[in-house]
Amino acid sequence: MKKIGLVGGTGPESTLMYYKALNSRIDSLTNGKAMPDIVIESVNFRRVWSYVTDGKYDMLVDYLAEKINNLIKSGAEVVSLTAVTMHVVFDELQKKCPLPLVSIPKAVCEKAVANNFKKVALIGTIFTMEQDYMKKDLRDNGIEVIVPEKDDRDLIAKRILEELELGIVKESTLREFVAIINKMKQTHGIEAVILGCTELPLILNPDNCPVHCLDAVEIHLEKLISLADSE
């Protein structure tokens, strides 16, 4: 099993999800014989968020590349970001990284194609919903990507930043999210929704979502474990 390196802290709640899931799943995969070697390089969330909101992408790339290099120096053989929003600079970051990075957008696209979906919704941070880094691979594969209306995008982004990033999960917020997804289902005929923020699985899951969930965390974890377990 290869040593796994995670760029964490974006945010702490999703980093915890990754750490716990990788340990428990690999333990189960090996029938209780092994748990993974994991190294985490945690970023200053406030710093990276300011880079994103201010459009300082060169500074974001340099900061994340520094963290990835620290992981590699610590022996990481499989490296990944633990936040969808950070993939806004994925291509530039990959050029600075000597190891292949595990892409959340590509992993999600592969799963959508495998399920033969033709029209999916995307929810996440405001940047994930409004920019193209999470949509491009899907569109290149003939999949239409629908995002919520402007007011709904603002509400989702606000709940992620002010609640889910802090580990706060409210029933009222779940009702809001379900209503937005149902609206897109009725208006656009979406077949599935991409949970395009690593905190969204804290509140949405296959049991409470009105359409099929393409959980970016779940899909990403599957890919990470597969690569870590490969020769």
C-alpha atoms as a PDB file:
ATOM      1  CA  MET A   1       0.000   0.000   0.000  1.00  0.00           C
ATOM      2  CA  LYS A   2       1.453   3.330  -1.098  1.00  0.00           C
ATOM      3  CA  LYS A   3       1.794   6.161   1.403  1.00  0.00           C
ATOM      4  CA  ILE A   4      -1.021   8.685   0.953  1.00  0.00           C
ATOM      5  CA  GLY A   5      -0.442  12.429   1.163  1.00  0.00           C
ATOM      6  CA  LEU A   6      -3.354  14.809   1.720  1.00  0.00           C
ATOM      7  CA  VAL A   7      -3.405  18.586   1.442  1.00  0.00           C
ATOM      8  CA  GLY A   8      -5.864  19.242   4.262  1.00  0.00           C
ATOM      9  CA  GLY A   9      -7.421  22.129   6.136  1.00  0.00           C
ATOM     10  CA  THR A  10      -9.856  23.150   3.408  1.00  0.00           C
ATOM     11  CA  GLY A  11     -11.700  22.716   5.635  1.00  0.00           C
ATOM     12  CA  PRO A  12     -10.902  20.762   8.818  1.00  0.00           C
ATOM     13  CA  GLU A  13     -14.230  18.877   8.735  1.00  0.00           C
ATOM     14  CA  SER A  14     -13.641  17.366   5.295  1.00  0.00           C
ATOM     15  CA  THR A  15     -10.016  16.561   6.166  1.00  0.00           C
ATOM     16  CA  LEU A  16     -11.272  14.581   9.143  1.00  0.00           C
ATOM     17  CA  MET A  17     -13.707  12.727   6.878  1.00  0.00           C
ATOM     18  CA  TYR A  18     -10.894  11.732   4.524  1.00  0.00           C
ATOM     19  CA  TYR A  19      -8.599  10.589   7.329  1.00  0.00           C
ATOM     20  CA  LYS A  20     -11.220   8.453   9.067  1.00  0.00           C
ATOM     21  CA  ALA A  21     -12.580   6.962   5.830  1.00  0.00           C
ATOM     22  CA  LEU A  22      -9.162   6.036   4.432  1.00  0.00           C
ATOM     23  CA  ASN A  23      -8.220   4.264   7.641  1.00  0.00           C
ATOM     24  CA  SER A  24     -11.481   2.371   8.090  1.00  0.00           C
ATOM     25  CA  ARG A  25     -11.899   1.371   4.441  1.00  0.00           C
ATOM     26  CA  ILE A  26      -8.356   0.174   3.899  1.00  0.00           C
ATOM     27  CA  ASP A  27      -8.533  -1.725   7.173  1.00  0.00           C
ATOM     28  CA  SER A  28     -11.688  -3.423   5.883  1.00  0.00           C
ATOM     29  CA  LEU A  29     -10.211  -3.954   2.406  1.00  0.00           C
ATOM     30  CA  THR A  30      -7.260  -5.838   3.896  1.00  0.00           C
ATOM     31  CA  ASN A  31      -9.473  -7.846   6.274  1.00  0.00           C
ATOM     32  CA  GLY A  32      -8.010  -6.102   9.284  1.00  0.00           C
ATOM     33  CA  LYS A  33      -4.393  -6.732   8.276  1.00  0.00           C
ATOM     34  CA  ALA A  34      -3.293  -3.206   7.389  1.00  0.00           C
ATOM     35  CA  MET A  35      -4.129   0.473   7.745  1.00  0.00           C
ATOM     36  CA  PRO A  36      -2.613   3.139   5.522  1.00  0.00           C
ATOM     37  CA  ASP A  37       0.388   5.343   6.097  1.00  0.00           C
ATOM     38  CA  ILE A  38      -1.059   8.846   5.768  1.00  0.00           C
ATOM     39  CA  VAL A  39       0.636  12.214   5.955  1.00  0.00           C
ATOM     40  CA  ILE A  40      -1.395  15.431   6.084  1.00  0.00           C
ATOM     41  CA  GLU A  41      -0.108  18.900   5.271  1.00  0.00           C
ATOM     42  CA  SER A  42      -2.749  21.306   6.559  1.00  0.00           C
ATOM     43  CA  VAL A  43      -3.109  24.726   4.970  1.00  0.00           C
ATOM     44  CA  ASN A  44      -4.244  27.972   6.550  1.00  0.00           C
ATOM     45  CA  PHE A  45      -7.871  27.947   5.423  1.00  0.00           C
ATOM     46  CA  ARG A  46      -8.306  31.714   5.804  1.00  0.00           C
ATOM     47  CA  ARG A  47      -5.215  32.311   3.682  1.00  0.00           C
ATOM     48  CA  VAL A  48      -6.241  30.038   0.797  1.00  0.00           C
ATOM     49  CA  TRP A  49      -9.804  31.322   0.873  1.00  0.00           C
ATOM     50  CA  SER A  50      -8.560  34.899   0.528  1.00  0.00           C
ATOM     51  CA  TYR A  51      -6.434  33.837  -2.466  1.00  0.00           C
ATOM     52  CA  VAL A  52      -9.509  32.311  -4.105  1.00  0.00           C
ATOM     53  CA  THR A  53     -11.885  35.195  -3.385  1.00  0.00           C
ATOM     54  CA  ASP A  54      -9.325  37.802  -4.474  1.00  0.00           C
ATOM     55  CA  GLY A  55      -8.408  35.868  -7.629  1.00  0.00           C
ATOM     56  CA  LYS A  56      -4.757  35.546  -6.551  1.00  0.00           C
ATOM     57  CA  TYR A  57      -4.369  32.200  -8.257  1.00  0.00           C
ATOM     58  CA  ASP A  58      -0.594  32.422  -8.756  1.00  0.00           C
ATOM     59  CA  MET A  59      -0.155  32.807  -5.009  1.00  0.00           C
ATOM     60  CA  LEU A  60      -2.580  29.933  -4.392  1.00  0.00           C
ATOM     61  CA  VAL A  61      -0.615  27.670  -6.750  1.00  0.00           C
ATOM     62  CA  ASP A  62       2.682  28.514  -5.053  1.00  0.00           C
ATOM     63  CA  TYR A  63       1.257  27.942  -1.571  1.00  0.00           C
ATOM     64  CA  LEU A  64      -0.356  24.604  -2.451  1.00  0.00           C
ATOM     65  CA  ALA A  65       2.737  23.468  -4.361  1.00  0.00           C
ATOM     66  CA  GLU A  66       4.820  24.131  -1.248  1.00  0.00           C
ATOM     67  CA  LYS A  67       2.441  21.911   0.761  1.00  0.00           C
ATOM     68  CA  ILE A  68       2.565  19.144  -1.861  1.00  0.00           C
ATOM     69  CA  ASN A  69       6.358  19.210  -1.906  1.00  0.00           C
ATOM     70  CA  ASN A  70       6.340  18.826   1.874  1.00  0.00           C
ATOM     71  CA  LEU A  71       4.145  15.742   1.486  1.00  0.00           C
ATOM     72  CA  ILE A  72       6.506  14.236  -1.064  1.00  0.00           C
ATOM     73  CA  LYS A  73       9.485  14.936   1.214  1.00  0.00           C
ATOM     74  CA  SER A  74       7.572  13.020   3.884  1.00  0.00           C
ATOM     75  CA  GLY A  75       7.396   9.984   1.598  1.00  0.00           C
ATOM     76  CA  ALA A  76       3.924  10.396   0.071  1.00  0.00           C
ATOM     77  CA  GLU A  77       3.498   8.351  -3.121  1.00  0.00           C
ATOM     78  CA  VAL A  78      -0.136   9.264  -3.854  1.00  0.00           C
ATOM     79  CA  VAL A  79      -1.064  12.921  -3.353  1.00  0.00           C
ATOM     80  CA  SER A  80      -4.391  14.700  -3.408  1.00  0.00           C
ATOM     81  CA  LEU A  81      -6.206  17.869  -2.448  1.00  0.00           C
ATOM     82  CA  THR A  82      -9.142  17.405  -0.065  1.00  0.00           C
ATOM     83  CA  ALA A  83     -11.272  20.270  -1.400  1.00  0.00           C
ATOM     84  CA  VAL A  84     -13.090  20.733  -4.683  1.00  0.00           C
ATOM     85  CA  THR A  85     -12.611  24.507  -4.748  1.00  0.00           C
ATOM     86  CA  MET A  86      -8.819  24.167  -4.720  1.00  0.00           C
ATOM     87  CA  HIS A  87      -9.136  22.413  -8.100  1.00  0.00           C
ATOM     88  CA  VAL A  88      -9.607  25.864  -9.639  1.00  0.00           C
ATOM     89  CA  VAL A  89      -5.797  25.789 -10.045  1.00  0.00           C
ATOM     90  CA  PHE A  90      -5.415  22.029 -10.561  1.00  0.00           C
ATOM     91  CA  ASP A  91      -3.815  22.150 -14.014  1.00  0.00           C
ATOM     92  CA  GLU A  92      -1.256  24.766 -12.965  1.00  0.00           C
ATOM     93  CA  LEU A  93      -0.548  22.882  -9.752  1.00  0.00           C
ATOM     94  CA  GLN A  94      -0.009  19.598 -11.587  1.00  0.00           C
ATOM     95  CA  LYS A  95       2.731  21.242 -13.664  1.00  0.00           C
ATOM     96  CA  LYS A  96       4.641  21.996 -10.453  1.00  0.00           C
ATOM     97  CA  CYS A  97       4.122  18.557  -8.900  1.00  0.00           C
ATOM     98  CA  PRO A  98       6.502  15.680  -9.735  1.00  0.00           C
ATOM     99  CA  LEU A  99       3.766  13.130  -8.905  1.00  0.00           C
ATOM    100  CA  PRO A 100       0.381  12.765 -10.624  1.00  0.00           C
ATOM    101  CA  LEU A 101      -2.333  14.399  -8.508  1.00  0.00           C
ATOM    102  CA  VAL A 102      -5.693  12.696  -8.042  1.00  0.00           C
ATOM    103  CA  SER A 103      -8.320  14.949  -9.650  1.00  0.00           C
ATOM    104  CA  ILE A 104     -11.780  15.169  -8.086  1.00  0.00           C
ATOM    105  CA  PRO A 105     -13.421  16.561 -11.286  1.00  0.00           C
ATOM    106  CA  LYS A 106     -11.996  13.757 -13.432  1.00  0.00           C
ATOM    107  CA  ALA A 107     -13.018  11.069 -10.927  1.00  0.00           C
ATOM    108  CA  VAL A 108     -16.565  12.476 -10.729  1.00  0.00           C
ATOM    109  CA  CYS A 109     -16.778  12.655 -14.530  1.00  0.00           C
ATOM    110  CA  GLU A 110     -15.716   9.010 -14.862  1.00  0.00           C
ATOM    111  CA  LYS A 111     -18.487   8.005 -12.451  1.00  0.00           C
ATOM    112  CA  ALA A 112     -21.129  10.086 -14.267  1.00  0.00           C
ATOM    113  CA  VAL A 113     -20.127   8.567 -17.606  1.00  0.00           C
ATOM    114  CA  ALA A 114     -20.213   5.062 -16.119  1.00  0.00           C
ATOM    115  CA  ASN A 115     -23.792   5.738 -14.933  1.00  0.00           C
ATOM    116  CA  ASN A 116     -24.755   7.031 -18.409  1.00  0.00           C
ATOM    117  CA  PHE A 117     -26.064  10.314 -17.004  1.00  0.00           C
ATOM    118  CA  LYS A 118     -26.849  12.992 -19.575  1.00  0.00           C
ATOM    119  CA  LYS A 119     -27.958  15.872 -17.345  1.00  0.00           C
ATOM    120  CA  VAL A 120     -26.623  16.545 -13.839  1.00  0.00           C
ATOM    121  CA  ALA A 121     -26.843  19.369 -11.311  1.00  0.00           C
ATOM    122  CA  LEU A 122     -23.802  20.801  -9.584  1.00  0.00           C
ATOM    123  CA  ILE A 123     -23.838  22.349  -6.121  1.00  0.00           C
ATOM    124  CA  GLY A 124     -20.871  23.527  -4.077  1.00  0.00           C
ATOM    125  CA  THR A 125     -19.068  26.750  -3.212  1.00  0.00           C
ATOM    126  CA  ILE A 126     -19.858  29.781  -5.318  1.00  0.00           C
ATOM    127  CA  PHE A 127     -16.611  29.275  -7.240  1.00  0.00           C
ATOM    128  CA  THR A 128     -17.339  25.632  -7.995  1.00  0.00           C
ATOM    129  CA  MET A 129     -20.835  26.461  -9.231  1.00  0.00           C
ATOM    130  CA  GLU A 130     -19.888  29.492 -11.315  1.00  0.00           C
ATOM    131  CA  GLN A 131     -16.520  28.523 -12.791  1.00  0.00           C
ATOM    132  CA  ASP A 132     -15.688  25.738 -15.241  1.00  0.00           C
ATOM    133  CA  TYR A 133     -13.133  23.511 -13.500  1.00  0.00           C
ATOM    134  CA  MET A 134     -15.776  21.071 -12.237  1.00  0.00           C
ATOM    135  CA  LYS A 135     -17.828  21.184 -15.449  1.00  0.00           C
ATOM    136  CA  LYS A 136     -15.318  20.937 -18.288  1.00  0.00           C
ATOM    137  CA  ASP A 137     -14.678  17.164 -18.233  1.00  0.00           C
ATOM    138  CA  LEU A 138     -18.412  16.489 -17.955  1.00  0.00           C
ATOM    139  CA  ARG A 139     -19.266  18.738 -20.897  1.00  0.00           C
ATOM    140  CA  ASP A 140     -16.442  17.240 -22.955  1.00  0.00           C
ATOM    141  CA  ASN A 141     -18.169  13.885 -22.422  1.00  0.00           C
ATOM    142  CA  GLY A 142     -21.566  15.157 -23.580  1.00  0.00           C
ATOM    143  CA  ILE A 143     -23.076  15.655 -20.118  1.00  0.00           C
ATOM    144  CA  GLU A 144     -25.120  18.801 -19.530  1.00  0.00           C
ATOM    145  CA  VAL A 145     -24.344  20.532 -16.219  1.00  0.00           C
ATOM    146  CA  ILE A 146     -27.039  22.597 -14.483  1.00  0.00           C
ATOM    147  CA  VAL A 147     -26.325  24.981 -11.605  1.00  0.00           C
ATOM    148  CA  PRO A 148     -28.932  26.553  -9.308  1.00  0.00           C
ATOM    149  CA  GLU A 149     -30.376  30.013  -9.887  1.00  0.00           C
ATOM    150  CA  LYS A 150     -28.354  32.984  -8.555  1.00  0.00           C
ATOM    151  CA  ASP A 151     -30.282  33.345  -5.267  1.00  0.00           C
ATOM    152  CA  ASP A 152     -30.045  29.611  -4.645  1.00  0.00           C
ATOM    153  CA  ARG A 153     -26.304  29.616  -5.424  1.00  0.00           C
ATOM    154  CA  ASP A 154     -25.789  32.399  -2.898  1.00  0.00           C
ATOM    155  CA  LEU A 155     -27.769  30.530  -0.254  1.00  0.00           C
ATOM    156  CA  ILE A 156     -25.864  27.264  -0.789  1.00  0.00           C
ATOM    157  CA  ALA A 157     -22.510  29.051  -0.629  1.00  0.00           C
ATOM    158  CA  LYS A 158     -23.515  30.885   2.551  1.00  0.00           C
ATOM    159  CA  ARG A 159     -24.632  27.672   4.286  1.00  0.00           C
ATOM    160  CA  ILE A 160     -21.396  25.905   3.313  1.00  0.00           C
ATOM    161  CA  LEU A 161     -19.145  28.701   4.576  1.00  0.00           C
ATOM    162  CA  GLU A 162     -21.063  29.648   7.722  1.00  0.00           C
ATOM    163  CA  GLU A 163     -22.330  26.212   8.779  1.00  0.00           C
ATOM    164  CA  LEU A 164     -20.874  23.100   7.141  1.00  0.00           C
ATOM    165  CA  GLU A 165     -17.270  24.347   7.144  1.00  0.00           C
ATOM    166  CA  LEU A 166     -17.697  24.673  10.921  1.00  0.00           C
ATOM    167  CA  GLY A 167     -19.289  21.250  11.328  1.00  0.00           C
ATOM    168  CA  ILE A 168     -22.772  22.721  11.887  1.00  0.00           C
ATOM    169  CA  VAL A 169     -25.545  20.612  10.342  1.00  0.00           C
ATOM    170  CA  LYS A 170     -29.106  21.963  10.514  1.00  0.00           C
ATOM    171  CA  GLU A 171     -32.365  20.295   9.520  1.00  0.00           C
ATOM    172  CA  SER A 172     -33.570  23.649   8.174  1.00  0.00           C
ATOM    173  CA  THR A 173     -30.581  23.808   5.825  1.00  0.00           C
ATOM    174  CA  LEU A 174     -31.247  20.268   4.610  1.00  0.00           C
ATOM    175  CA  ARG A 175     -34.809  21.298   3.733  1.00  0.00           C
ATOM    176  CA  GLU A 176     -33.487  24.292   1.793  1.00  0.00           C
ATOM    177  CA  PHE A 177     -31.038  22.150  -0.166  1.00  0.00           C
ATOM    178  CA  VAL A 178     -33.643  19.501  -0.948  1.00  0.00           C
ATOM    179  CA  ALA A 179     -36.045  22.196  -2.188  1.00  0.00           C
ATOM    180  CA  ILE A 180     -33.365  23.612  -4.516  1.00  0.00           C
ATOM    181  CA  ILE A 181     -32.566  20.149  -5.912  1.00  0.00           C
ATOM    182  CA  ASN A 182     -36.258  19.394  -6.424  1.00  0.00           C
ATOM    183  CA  LYS A 183     -36.644  22.693  -8.277  1.00  0.00           C
ATOM    184  CA  MET A 184     -33.845  21.728 -10.678  1.00  0.00           C
ATOM    185  CA  LYS A 185     -35.365  18.278 -11.107  1.00  0.00           C
ATOM    186  CA  GLN A 186     -38.756  19.719 -12.022  1.00  0.00           C
ATOM    187  CA  THR A 187     -37.423  22.572 -14.172  1.00  0.00           C
ATOM    188  CA  HIS A 188     -34.479  20.921 -15.917  1.00  0.00           C
ATOM    189  CA  GLY A 189     -35.032  17.185 -15.550  1.00  0.00           C
ATOM    190  CA  ILE A 190     -31.717  16.513 -13.789  1.00  0.00           C
ATOM    191  CA  GLU A 191     -30.907  12.840 -13.252  1.00  0.00           C
ATOM    192  CA  ALA A 192     -28.335  13.328 -10.495  1.00  0.00           C
ATOM    193  CA  VAL A 193     -26.697  16.012  -8.375  1.00  0.00           C
ATOM    194  CA  ILE A 194     -22.961  16.369  -7.860  1.00  0.00           C
ATOM    195  CA  LEU A 195     -22.123  17.148  -4.253  1.00  0.00           C
ATOM    196  CA  GLY A 196     -19.301  19.394  -5.409  1.00  0.00           C
ATOM    197  CA  CYS A 197     -18.029  20.478  -2.016  1.00  0.00           C
ATOM    198  CA  THR A 198     -16.310  18.095   0.377  1.00  0.00           C
ATOM    199  CA  GLU A 199     -18.500  19.283   3.263  1.00  0.00           C
ATOM    200  CA  LEU A 200     -21.822  18.606   1.514  1.00  0.00           C
ATOM    201  CA  PRO A 201     -21.896  14.876   2.449  1.00  0.00           C
ATOM    202  CA  LEU A 202     -22.225  16.056   6.045  1.00  0.00           C
ATOM    203  CA  ILE A 203     -25.816  16.996   5.193  1.00  0.00           C
ATOM    204  CA  LEU A 204     -26.820  15.274   1.917  1.00  0.00           C
ATOM    205  CA  ASN A 205     -26.733  11.552   1.193  1.00  0.00           C
ATOM    206  CA  PRO A 206     -28.578   8.931  -0.909  1.00  0.00           C
ATOM    207  CA  ASP A 207     -31.226   8.544   1.822  1.00  0.00           C
ATOM    208  CA  ASN A 208     -32.348  12.183   1.900  1.00  0.00           C
ATOM    209  CA  CYS A 209     -31.522  13.469  -1.593  1.00  0.00           C
ATOM    210  CA  PRO A 210     -34.395  13.514  -4.148  1.00  0.00           C
ATOM    211  CA  VAL A 211     -32.104  12.417  -7.022  1.00  0.00           C
ATOM    212  CA  HIS A 212     -29.017  10.235  -7.367  1.00  0.00           C
ATOM    213  CA  CYS A 213     -26.033  11.658  -5.450  1.00  0.00           C
ATOM    214  CA  LEU A 214     -22.644  11.871  -7.097  1.00  0.00           C
ATOM    215  CA  ASP A 215     -20.742  12.381  -3.863  1.00  0.00           C
ATOM    216  CA  ALA A 216     -17.376  13.933  -4.762  1.00  0.00           C
ATOM    217  CA  VAL A 217     -15.819  12.727  -1.498  1.00  0.00           C
ATOM    218  CA  GLU A 218     -17.008   9.139  -1.905  1.00  0.00           C
ATOM    219  CA  ILE A 219     -15.902   8.988  -5.539  1.00  0.00           C
ATOM    220  CA  HIS A 220     -12.555  10.589  -4.742  1.00  0.00           C
ATOM    221  CA  LEU A 221     -11.905   8.176  -1.867  1.00  0.00           C
ATOM    222  CA  GLU A 222     -12.550   5.209  -4.162  1.00  0.00           C
ATOM    223  CA  LYS A 223      -9.979   6.574  -6.626  1.00  0.00           C
ATOM    224  CA  LEU A 224      -7.416   7.336  -3.918  1.00  0.00           C
ATOM    225  CA  ILE A 225      -7.677   3.855  -2.425  1.00  0.00           C
ATOM    226  CA  SER A 226      -7.456   2.216  -5.836  1.00  0.00           C
ATOM    227  CA  LEU A 227      -4.278   4.129  -6.680  1.00  0.00           C
ATOM    228  CA  ALA A 228      -2.738   3.582  -3.253  1.00  0.00           C
ATOM    229  CA  ASP A 229      -3.391  -0.157  -3.597  1.00  0.00           C
ATOM    230  CA  SER A 230      -1.976  -0.409  -7.131  1.00  0.00           C
ATOM    231  CA  GLU A 231       1.536  -1.621  -7.943  1.00  0.00           C
END
